[in-house]
Amino acid sequence: MKKAFTLLEVLMVVGLTAIVVAGGISFSNNTLLSANFNTTVSDMRQAIFKVNNLALESYNNDSVGIHYAADEYVIFSGTSYDALDESNEVFELSGGISISNIDFNSSANLIFSKSTGIPVNSGSFDITSNKGDSATISIDVNGVTSVSYN
């Protein structure tokens, strides 16, 4: 008598394998989304440090700032943001991540003074992902930056 697998046994193995693979894909996707969110928060914090240092160095002999919008942030020179300025550095957010509740004394611009690096306006903004991750980045009057994960 030959030993062999029945059709039912083969279907059960294929079904269980499909369930395990689907679970792994879901886990991997959630892990990638969380990693992308954490990288974005870190990149935005580094951008604030960069702008602060540029202002301390009197980059372009002017103040330096960051303009925040829902789907991007822009590093610019000067005391006001000009969307048409070709020297702006634009950083677009990846899909599913957005900026909201932007409040730098009723402005969407965080500006650091030339030579001193002290912010002209303090405030905060929120970063959220469509997965439910959220964080608040705050900059105080001395330019100290903090991140709180909600």
Protein backbone atom coordinates (compact mmCIF):
# COMPACT_ATOMS: atom_id res chain seq x y z
CA MET A 1 0.00 0.00 0.00
CA LYS A 2 1.34 3.45 -1.03
CA LYS A 3 1.48 6.26 1.47
CA ALA A 4 0.32 9.59 0.05
CA PHE A 5 -1.29 12.84 1.08
CA THR A 6 -4.98 13.22 0.59
CA LEU A 7 -6.44 16.22 -1.18
CA LEU A 8 -7.86 17.42 2.15
CA GLU A 9 -4.44 17.39 3.80
CA VAL A 10 -2.87 19.32 0.91
CA LEU A 11 -5.66 21.94 0.99
CA MET A 12 -5.25 22.35 4.76
CA VAL A 13 -1.50 22.96 4.42
CA VAL A 14 -2.03 25.46 1.58
CA GLY A 15 -4.74 27.26 3.60
CA LEU A 16 -2.61 27.50 6.75
CA THR A 17 0.35 28.73 4.72
CA ALA A 18 -1.82 31.45 3.17
CA ILE A 19 -2.99 32.58 6.63
CA VAL A 20 0.58 32.79 7.95
CA VAL A 21 1.77 34.72 4.88
CA ALA A 22 -1.16 37.18 5.10
CA GLY A 23 -0.38 37.82 8.77
CA GLY A 24 3.29 38.39 7.97
CA ILE A 25 2.49 40.86 5.21
CA SER A 26 0.18 42.82 7.51
CA PHE A 27 2.81 42.90 10.25
CA SER A 28 5.49 44.01 7.78
CA ASN A 29 3.30 46.78 6.38
CA ASN A 30 2.52 48.16 9.86
CA THR A 31 6.19 48.01 10.81
CA LEU A 32 7.19 49.89 7.64
CA LEU A 33 4.53 52.58 8.24
CA SER A 34 5.73 53.10 11.82
CA ALA A 35 9.36 53.26 10.72
CA ASN A 36 8.45 55.79 7.99
CA PHE A 37 6.60 57.94 10.55
CA ASN A 38 9.51 57.88 13.01
CA THR A 39 11.97 58.75 10.22
CA THR A 40 9.79 61.69 9.15
CA VAL A 41 9.63 63.05 12.72
CA SER A 42 13.41 62.73 13.01
CA ASP A 43 13.96 64.42 9.61
CA MET A 44 11.72 67.33 10.58
CA ARG A 45 13.54 67.80 13.87
CA GLN A 46 16.88 67.75 12.02
CA ALA A 47 15.54 70.39 9.62
CA ILE A 48 14.83 72.67 12.59
CA PHE A 49 18.41 72.19 13.83
CA LYS A 50 19.73 72.88 10.33
CA VAL A 51 17.75 76.11 10.02
CA ASN A 52 18.87 77.21 13.48
CA ASN A 53 22.52 76.64 12.51
CA LEU A 54 22.10 78.43 9.18
CA ALA A 55 20.70 81.45 11.04
CA LEU A 56 23.62 81.37 13.49
CA GLU A 57 25.98 81.40 10.51
CA SER A 58 24.01 84.30 8.95
CA TYR A 59 23.35 82.22 5.84
CA ASN A 60 22.76 84.60 2.88
CA ASN A 61 23.27 87.39 5.44
CA ASP A 62 19.65 86.97 6.53
CA SER A 63 17.29 85.16 8.87
CA VAL A 64 16.32 81.60 7.96
CA GLY A 65 12.98 79.87 8.39
CA ILE A 66 10.80 76.86 7.75
CA HIS A 67 7.35 77.13 6.20
CA TYR A 68 4.96 74.30 7.15
CA ALA A 69 2.02 73.09 5.07
CA ALA A 70 -0.14 69.96 5.33
CA ASP A 71 1.97 67.89 2.92
CA GLU A 72 5.40 69.56 2.94
CA TYR A 73 7.84 71.82 4.70
CA VAL A 74 10.12 74.36 3.05
CA ILE A 75 13.42 75.87 4.23
CA PHE A 76 13.76 79.50 3.10
CA SER A 77 15.96 82.55 3.61
CA GLY A 78 14.59 85.83 4.87
CA THR A 79 11.95 86.99 7.29
CA SER A 80 9.00 85.91 5.16
CA TYR A 81 8.22 82.90 2.99
CA ASP A 82 8.03 83.36 -0.78
CA ALA A 83 6.73 80.23 -2.52
CA LEU A 84 8.26 81.36 -5.82
CA ASP A 85 11.81 81.75 -4.48
CA GLU A 86 13.97 79.25 -6.39
CA SER A 87 16.44 78.93 -3.50
CA ASN A 88 13.80 77.29 -1.28
CA GLU A 89 14.45 73.69 -0.20
CA VAL A 90 11.16 71.77 -0.45
CA PHE A 91 10.64 68.52 1.48
CA GLU A 92 7.47 66.65 0.55
CA LEU A 93 5.98 64.25 3.09
CA SER A 94 5.48 60.65 2.07
CA GLY A 95 1.99 59.28 1.60
CA GLY A 96 -0.12 58.92 4.69
CA ILE A 97 1.79 61.49 6.78
CA SER A 98 0.58 65.04 7.27
CA ILE A 99 1.23 68.19 9.28
CA SER A 100 -1.58 69.94 11.16
CA ASN A 101 -2.27 72.39 14.00
CA ILE A 102 0.60 74.62 12.84
CA ASP A 103 0.86 77.57 15.21
CA PHE A 104 3.87 79.85 15.41
CA ASN A 105 2.12 82.91 16.81
CA SER A 106 -0.64 82.56 14.18
CA SER A 107 1.87 81.84 11.43
CA ALA A 108 2.90 78.75 9.48
CA ASN A 109 6.52 79.97 9.50
CA LEU A 110 9.18 79.24 12.09
CA ILE A 111 11.89 81.87 11.66
CA PHE A 112 15.30 82.05 13.35
CA SER A 113 17.05 85.42 13.66
CA LYS A 114 20.26 86.08 11.79
CA SER A 115 23.43 85.68 13.92
CA THR A 116 21.63 84.83 17.20
CA GLY A 117 19.69 81.78 16.04
CA ILE A 118 16.88 82.73 18.43
CA PRO A 119 13.41 82.03 17.04
CA VAL A 120 11.35 85.09 16.14
CA ASN A 121 8.27 83.07 17.01
CA SER A 122 7.85 79.97 19.12
CA GLY A 123 5.12 77.38 18.73
CA SER A 124 4.32 73.85 17.67
CA PHE A 125 2.79 71.58 15.06
CA ASP A 126 1.45 68.04 14.92
CA ILE A 127 2.53 65.22 12.63
CA THR A 128 0.08 62.38 12.04
CA SER A 129 0.01 59.22 9.99
CA ASN A 130 -3.02 57.50 8.52
CA LYS A 131 -2.05 54.51 10.70
CA GLY A 132 -2.80 56.54 13.84
CA ASP A 133 0.72 57.55 14.91
CA SER A 134 1.01 61.15 16.05
CA ALA A 135 3.62 63.46 17.53
CA THR A 136 3.88 67.13 18.46
CA ILE A 137 7.06 69.09 17.78
CA SER A 138 7.42 72.23 19.91
CA ILE A 139 9.99 75.02 19.74
CA ASP A 140 10.24 77.36 22.73
CA VAL A 141 11.37 81.02 22.82
CA ASN A 142 15.00 79.95 23.29
CA GLY A 143 14.91 77.60 20.29
CA VAL A 144 14.79 74.40 22.35
CA THR A 145 13.02 71.72 20.34
CA SER A 146 11.04 68.90 21.91
CA VAL A 147 9.05 66.00 20.51
CA SER A 148 6.17 64.33 22.32
CA TYR A 149 4.59 61.22 20.92
CA ASN A 150 0.85 61.04 21.49
